[in-house]
Amino acid sequence: MKCLNCNSKNIGKIGKQHYYCWDCCIEFTVHAEKLDLYQVEKDGTVSSLNDLFIEEIRNYADQQAMSPA
């Protein structure tokens, strides 16, 4: 899996269907076969980034198909 924001492979799993990019500090979750992306703010709250990515890019199944085994 690669980060949709910075294209890094430095992704950590922080919960069930919940991931974190260590390079750009973006969290993402898998919900209904789509990736929901969030920016972590300084105070610990998260802001949705879904409006910055088109739905086709956020398709989780497509992301898995592009990832090397």
PDB file of N, CA and C in Angstrom:
ATOM      1  N   MET A   1       0.847  -1.168   0.000  1.00  0.00           N
ATOM      2  CA  MET A   1       0.000   0.000   0.000  1.00  0.00           C
ATOM      3  C   MET A   1       0.893   1.233   0.000  1.00  0.00           C
ATOM      4  N   LYS A   2       0.490   2.240  -0.749  1.00  0.00           N
ATOM      5  CA  LYS A   2       1.202   3.510  -0.794  1.00  0.00           C
ATOM      6  C   LYS A   2       0.281   4.622  -0.313  1.00  0.00           C
ATOM      7  N   CYS A   3       0.896   5.639   0.246  1.00  0.00           N
ATOM      8  CA  CYS A   3       0.137   6.805   0.691  1.00  0.00           C
ATOM      9  C   CYS A   3      -0.392   7.549  -0.531  1.00  0.00           C
ATOM     10  N   LEU A   4      -1.655   7.915  -0.508  1.00  0.00           N
ATOM     11  CA  LEU A   4      -2.236   8.665  -1.620  1.00  0.00           C
ATOM     12  C   LEU A   4      -1.737  10.099  -1.656  1.00  0.00           C
ATOM     13  N   ASN A   5      -1.250  10.600  -0.541  1.00  0.00           N
ATOM     14  CA  ASN A   5      -0.800  11.983  -0.467  1.00  0.00           C
ATOM     15  C   ASN A   5       0.637  12.154  -0.960  1.00  0.00           C
ATOM     16  N   CYS A   6       1.566  11.328  -0.448  1.00  0.00           N
ATOM     17  CA  CYS A   6       2.987  11.518  -0.776  1.00  0.00           C
ATOM     18  C   CYS A   6       3.601  10.347  -1.539  1.00  0.00           C
ATOM     19  N   ASN A   7       2.836   9.283  -1.766  1.00  0.00           N
ATOM     20  CA  ASN A   7       3.262   8.104  -2.510  1.00  0.00           C
ATOM     21  C   ASN A   7       4.304   7.262  -1.770  1.00  0.00           C
ATOM     22  N   SER A   8       4.445   7.472  -0.472  1.00  0.00           N
ATOM     23  CA  SER A   8       5.395   6.731   0.350  1.00  0.00           C
ATOM     24  C   SER A   8       4.873   5.333   0.663  1.00  0.00           C
ATOM     25  N   LYS A   9       5.797   4.400   0.855  1.00  0.00           N
ATOM     26  CA  LYS A   9       5.445   3.055   1.303  1.00  0.00           C
ATOM     27  C   LYS A   9       5.638   2.915   2.808  1.00  0.00           C
ATOM     28  N   ASN A  10       6.004   3.998   3.481  1.00  0.00           N
ATOM     29  CA  ASN A  10       6.271   3.996   4.920  1.00  0.00           C
ATOM     30  C   ASN A  10       4.951   4.116   5.686  1.00  0.00           C
ATOM     31  N   ILE A  11       4.120   3.072   5.570  1.00  0.00           N
ATOM     32  CA  ILE A  11       2.771   3.049   6.133  1.00  0.00           C
ATOM     33  C   ILE A  11       2.741   2.097   7.322  1.00  0.00           C
ATOM     34  N   GLY A  12       2.145   2.554   8.399  1.00  0.00           N
ATOM     35  CA  GLY A  12       1.984   1.703   9.568  1.00  0.00           C
ATOM     36  C   GLY A  12       0.514   1.453   9.850  1.00  0.00           C
ATOM     37  N   LYS A  13       0.217   0.284  10.380  1.00  0.00           N
ATOM     38  CA  LYS A  13      -1.158  -0.058  10.751  1.00  0.00           C
ATOM     39  C   LYS A  13      -1.334   0.317  12.217  1.00  0.00           C
ATOM     40  N   ILE A  14      -2.326   1.169  12.497  1.00  0.00           N
ATOM     41  CA  ILE A  14      -2.536   1.634  13.862  1.00  0.00           C
ATOM     42  C   ILE A  14      -3.848   1.144  14.450  1.00  0.00           C
ATOM     43  N   GLY A  15      -4.576   0.360  13.712  1.00  0.00           N
ATOM     44  CA  GLY A  15      -5.841  -0.205  14.177  1.00  0.00           C
ATOM     45  C   GLY A  15      -6.460  -1.025  13.075  1.00  0.00           C
ATOM     46  N   LYS A  16      -7.611  -1.611  13.387  1.00  0.00           N
ATOM     47  CA  LYS A  16      -8.312  -2.400  12.381  1.00  0.00           C
ATOM     48  C   LYS A  16      -8.756  -1.478  11.247  1.00  0.00           C
ATOM     49  N   GLN A  17      -8.238  -1.738  10.057  1.00  0.00           N
ATOM     50  CA  GLN A  17      -8.544  -0.936   8.868  1.00  0.00           C
ATOM     51  C   GLN A  17      -8.169   0.537   9.057  1.00  0.00           C
ATOM     52  N   HIS A  18      -7.135   0.815   9.854  1.00  0.00           N
ATOM     53  CA  HIS A  18      -6.712   2.179  10.155  1.00  0.00           C
ATOM     54  C   HIS A  18      -5.193   2.260   9.987  1.00  0.00           C
ATOM     55  N   TYR A  19      -4.728   3.180   9.132  1.00  0.00           N
ATOM     56  CA  TYR A  19      -3.320   3.252   8.764  1.00  0.00           C
ATOM     57  C   TYR A  19      -2.790   4.674   8.946  1.00  0.00           C
ATOM     58  N   TYR A  20      -1.452   4.790   8.965  1.00  0.00           N
ATOM     59  CA  TYR A  20      -0.803   6.077   9.179  1.00  0.00           C
ATOM     60  C   TYR A  20       0.435   6.152   8.298  1.00  0.00           C
ATOM     61  N   CYS A  21       0.615   7.275   7.604  1.00  0.00           N
ATOM     62  CA  CYS A  21       1.814   7.504   6.812  1.00  0.00           C
ATOM     63  C   CYS A  21       2.819   8.256   7.676  1.00  0.00           C
ATOM     64  N   TRP A  22       3.956   7.635   7.915  1.00  0.00           N
ATOM     65  CA  TRP A  22       4.986   8.229   8.774  1.00  0.00           C
ATOM     66  C   TRP A  22       5.731   9.354   8.077  1.00  0.00           C
ATOM     67  N   ASP A  23       5.623   9.465   6.765  1.00  0.00           N
ATOM     68  CA  ASP A  23       6.336  10.514   6.042  1.00  0.00           C
ATOM     69  C   ASP A  23       5.565  11.831   5.963  1.00  0.00           C
ATOM     70  N   CYS A  24       4.247  11.759   5.783  1.00  0.00           N
ATOM     71  CA  CYS A  24       3.478  13.011   5.672  1.00  0.00           C
ATOM     72  C   CYS A  24       2.424  13.165   6.766  1.00  0.00           C
ATOM     73  N   CYS A  25       2.393  12.219   7.711  1.00  0.00           N
ATOM     74  CA  CYS A  25       1.511  12.303   8.894  1.00  0.00           C
ATOM     75  C   CYS A  25       0.027  12.327   8.535  1.00  0.00           C
ATOM     76  N   ILE A  26      -0.350  11.540   7.547  1.00  0.00           N
ATOM     77  CA  ILE A  26      -1.745  11.419   7.150  1.00  0.00           C
ATOM     78  C   ILE A  26      -2.276  10.086   7.670  1.00  0.00           C
ATOM     79  N   GLU A  27      -3.472  10.107   8.262  1.00  0.00           N
ATOM     80  CA  GLU A  27      -4.153   8.875   8.670  1.00  0.00           C
ATOM     81  C   GLU A  27      -5.165   8.519   7.605  1.00  0.00           C
ATOM     82  N   PHE A  28      -5.373   7.224   7.410  1.00  0.00           N
ATOM     83  CA  PHE A  28      -6.458   6.815   6.525  1.00  0.00           C
ATOM     84  C   PHE A  28      -7.086   5.531   7.022  1.00  0.00           C
ATOM     85  N   THR A  29      -8.372   5.436   6.747  1.00  0.00           N
ATOM     86  CA  THR A  29      -9.145   4.271   7.134  1.00  0.00           C
ATOM     87  C   THR A  29      -9.825   3.694   5.901  1.00  0.00           C
ATOM     88  N   VAL A  30     -10.144   2.400   5.981  1.00  0.00           N
ATOM     89  CA  VAL A  30     -10.884   1.746   4.917  1.00  0.00           C
ATOM     90  C   VAL A  30     -12.325   1.645   5.379  1.00  0.00           C
ATOM     91  N   HIS A  31     -13.222   2.207   4.593  1.00  0.00           N
ATOM     92  CA  HIS A  31     -14.642   2.190   4.927  1.00  0.00           C
ATOM     93  C   HIS A  31     -15.423   1.978   3.637  1.00  0.00           C
ATOM     94  N   ALA A  32     -16.147   0.876   3.567  1.00  0.00           N
ATOM     95  CA  ALA A  32     -16.971   0.559   2.383  1.00  0.00           C
ATOM     96  C   ALA A  32     -16.129   0.564   1.104  1.00  0.00           C
ATOM     97  N   GLU A  33     -14.936  -0.085   1.178  1.00  0.00           N
ATOM     98  CA  GLU A  33     -14.026  -0.217   0.043  1.00  0.00           C
ATOM     99  C   GLU A  33     -13.461   1.113  -0.467  1.00  0.00           C
ATOM    100  N   LYS A  34     -13.566   2.172   0.324  1.00  0.00           N
ATOM    101  CA  LYS A  34     -12.964   3.457  -0.012  1.00  0.00           C
ATOM    102  C   LYS A  34     -12.015   3.857   1.101  1.00  0.00           C
ATOM    103  N   LEU A  35     -10.959   4.564   0.740  1.00  0.00           N
ATOM    104  CA  LEU A  35     -10.041   5.104   1.732  1.00  0.00           C
ATOM    105  C   LEU A  35     -10.534   6.483   2.151  1.00  0.00           C
ATOM    106  N   ASP A  36     -10.667   6.702   3.442  1.00  0.00           N
ATOM    107  CA  ASP A  36     -10.972   8.020   3.983  1.00  0.00           C
ATOM    108  C   ASP A  36      -9.678   8.570   4.552  1.00  0.00           C
ATOM    109  N   LEU A  37      -9.278   9.764   4.114  1.00  0.00           N
ATOM    110  CA  LEU A  37      -8.003  10.343   4.503  1.00  0.00           C
ATOM    111  C   LEU A  37      -8.198  11.506   5.465  1.00  0.00           C
ATOM    112  N   TYR A  38      -7.278  11.622   6.432  1.00  0.00           N
ATOM    113  CA  TYR A  38      -7.363  12.654   7.460  1.00  0.00           C
ATOM    114  C   TYR A  38      -5.993  13.240   7.741  1.00  0.00           C
ATOM    115  N   GLN A  39      -5.952  14.541   7.955  1.00  0.00           N
ATOM    116  CA  GLN A  39      -4.740  15.213   8.402  1.00  0.00           C
ATOM    117  C   GLN A  39      -4.813  15.337   9.915  1.00  0.00           C
ATOM    118  N   VAL A  40      -3.740  14.979  10.592  1.00  0.00           N
ATOM    119  CA  VAL A  40      -3.684  15.103  12.044  1.00  0.00           C
ATOM    120  C   VAL A  40      -3.208  16.510  12.379  1.00  0.00           C
ATOM    121  N   GLU A  41      -4.031  17.230  13.129  1.00  0.00           N
ATOM    122  CA  GLU A  41      -3.700  18.603  13.519  1.00  0.00           C
ATOM    123  C   GLU A  41      -2.806  18.605  14.758  1.00  0.00           C
ATOM    124  N   LYS A  42      -2.200  19.746  15.063  1.00  0.00           N
ATOM    125  CA  LYS A  42      -1.297  19.856  16.211  1.00  0.00           C
ATOM    126  C   LYS A  42      -1.971  19.517  17.534  1.00  0.00           C
ATOM    127  N   ASP A  43      -3.270  19.789  17.632  1.00  0.00           N
ATOM    128  CA  ASP A  43      -3.988  19.510  18.883  1.00  0.00           C
ATOM    129  C   ASP A  43      -4.507  18.070  18.959  1.00  0.00           C
ATOM    130  N   GLY A  44      -4.194  17.259  17.946  1.00  0.00           N
ATOM    131  CA  GLY A  44      -4.593  15.855  17.945  1.00  0.00           C
ATOM    132  C   GLY A  44      -5.891  15.568  17.225  1.00  0.00           C
ATOM    133  N   THR A  45      -6.625  16.586  16.846  1.00  0.00           N
ATOM    134  CA  THR A  45      -7.856  16.365  16.087  1.00  0.00           C
ATOM    135  C   THR A  45      -7.494  16.029  14.641  1.00  0.00           C
ATOM    136  N   VAL A  46      -8.458  15.505  13.915  1.00  0.00           N
ATOM    137  CA  VAL A  46      -8.227  15.165  12.512  1.00  0.00           C
ATOM    138  C   VAL A  46      -9.192  15.941  11.624  1.00  0.00           C
ATOM    139  N   SER A  47      -8.708  16.289  10.441  1.00  0.00           N
ATOM    140  CA  SER A  47      -9.522  16.986   9.439  1.00  0.00           C
ATOM    141  C   SER A  47      -9.572  16.123   8.189  1.00  0.00           C
ATOM    142  N   SER A  48     -10.751  15.952   7.634  1.00  0.00           N
ATOM    143  CA  SER A  48     -10.917  15.127   6.448  1.00  0.00           C
ATOM    144  C   SER A  48     -10.214  15.748   5.247  1.00  0.00           C
ATOM    145  N   LEU A  49      -9.569  14.890   4.464  1.00  0.00           N
ATOM    146  CA  LEU A  49      -8.931  15.302   3.212  1.00  0.00           C
ATOM    147  C   LEU A  49      -9.625  14.682   2.008  1.00  0.00           C
ATOM    148  N   ASN A  50     -10.768  14.059   2.215  1.00  0.00           N
ATOM    149  CA  ASN A  50     -11.456  13.352   1.137  1.00  0.00           C
ATOM    150  C   ASN A  50     -11.792  14.259  -0.040  1.00  0.00           C
ATOM    151  N   ASP A  51     -12.060  15.527   0.221  1.00  0.00           N
ATOM    152  CA  ASP A  51     -12.428  16.430  -0.866  1.00  0.00           C
ATOM    153  C   ASP A  51     -11.245  16.776  -1.774  1.00  0.00           C
ATOM    154  N   LEU A  52     -10.022  16.418  -1.367  1.00  0.00           N
ATOM    155  CA  LEU A  52      -8.843  16.698  -2.173  1.00  0.00           C
ATOM    156  C   LEU A  52      -8.492  15.575  -3.152  1.00  0.00           C
ATOM    157  N   PHE A  53      -9.142  14.415  -2.997  1.00  0.00           N
ATOM    158  CA  PHE A  53      -8.832  13.250  -3.836  1.00  0.00           C
ATOM    159  C   PHE A  53     -10.104  12.774  -4.515  1.00  0.00           C
ATOM    160  N   ILE A  54     -10.010  12.516  -5.828  1.00  0.00           N
ATOM    161  CA  ILE A  54     -11.195  12.026  -6.536  1.00  0.00           C
ATOM    162  C   ILE A  54     -11.508  10.604  -6.074  1.00  0.00           C
ATOM    163  N   GLU A  55     -12.754  10.234  -6.193  1.00  0.00           N
ATOM    164  CA  GLU A  55     -13.224   8.958  -5.658  1.00  0.00           C
ATOM    165  C   GLU A  55     -12.508   7.759  -6.272  1.00  0.00           C
ATOM    166  N   GLU A  56     -12.166   7.821  -7.554  1.00  0.00           N
ATOM    167  CA  GLU A  56     -11.493   6.704  -8.202  1.00  0.00           C
ATOM    168  C   GLU A  56     -10.128   6.443  -7.567  1.00  0.00           C
ATOM    169  N   ILE A  57      -9.442   7.472  -7.145  1.00  0.00           N
ATOM    170  CA  ILE A  57      -8.137   7.326  -6.501  1.00  0.00           C
ATOM    171  C   ILE A  57      -8.289   6.727  -5.112  1.00  0.00           C
ATOM    172  N   ARG A  58      -9.397   7.031  -4.429  1.00  0.00           N
ATOM    173  CA  ARG A  58      -9.630   6.549  -3.074  1.00  0.00           C
ATOM    174  C   ARG A  58     -10.146   5.112  -3.031  1.00  0.00           C
ATOM    175  N   ASN A  59     -10.320   4.453  -4.180  1.00  0.00           N
ATOM    176  CA  ASN A  59     -10.838   3.086  -4.218  1.00  0.00           C
ATOM    177  C   ASN A  59      -9.810   2.130  -3.630  1.00  0.00           C
ATOM    178  N   TYR A  60     -10.142   1.507  -2.511  1.00  0.00           N
ATOM    179  CA  TYR A  60      -9.228   0.622  -1.788  1.00  0.00           C
ATOM    180  C   TYR A  60      -8.840  -0.601  -2.604  1.00  0.00           C
ATOM    181  N   ALA A  61      -9.784  -1.196  -3.314  1.00  0.00           N
ATOM    182  CA  ALA A  61      -9.486  -2.386  -4.115  1.00  0.00           C
ATOM    183  C   ALA A  61      -8.448  -2.074  -5.178  1.00  0.00           C
ATOM    184  N   ASP A  62      -8.539  -0.901  -5.796  1.00  0.00           N
ATOM    185  CA  ASP A  62      -7.554  -0.504  -6.802  1.00  0.00           C
ATOM    186  C   ASP A  62      -6.191  -0.297  -6.165  1.00  0.00           C
ATOM    187  N   GLN A  63      -6.151   0.279  -4.979  1.00  0.00           N
ATOM    188  CA  GLN A  63      -4.884   0.482  -4.276  1.00  0.00           C
ATOM    189  C   GLN A  63      -4.215  -0.848  -3.977  1.00  0.00           C
ATOM    190  N   GLN A  64      -4.987  -1.843  -3.555  1.00  0.00           N
ATOM    191  CA  GLN A  64      -4.437  -3.163  -3.243  1.00  0.00           C
ATOM    192  C   GLN A  64      -3.905  -3.830  -4.503  1.00  0.00           C
ATOM    193  N   ALA A  65      -4.586  -3.652  -5.627  1.00  0.00           N
ATOM    194  CA  ALA A  65      -4.143  -4.251  -6.880  1.00  0.00           C
ATOM    195  C   ALA A  65      -2.831  -3.646  -7.352  1.00  0.00           C
ATOM    196  N   MET A  66      -2.569  -2.373  -7.050  1.00  0.00           N
ATOM    197  CA  MET A  66      -1.358  -1.699  -7.481  1.00  0.00           C
ATOM    198  C   MET A  66      -0.178  -1.997  -6.577  1.00  0.00           C
ATOM    199  N   SER A  67      -0.412  -2.471  -5.357  1.00  0.00           N
ATOM    200  CA  SER A  67       0.665  -2.744  -4.422  1.00  0.00           C
ATOM    201  C   SER A  67       1.373  -4.035  -4.770  1.00  0.00           C
ATOM    202  N   PRO A  68       2.716  -4.011  -4.735  1.00  0.00           N
ATOM    203  CA  PRO A  68       3.425  -5.260  -4.995  1.00  0.00           C
ATOM    204  C   PRO A  68       3.242  -6.236  -3.847  1.00  0.00           C
ATOM    205  N   ALA A  69       3.266  -7.498  -4.137  1.00  0.00           N
ATOM    206  CA  ALA A  69       3.051  -8.547  -3.112  1.00  0.00           C
ATOM    207  C   ALA A  69       4.212  -8.650  -2.160  1.00  0.00           C
TER     208      ALA A  69
END
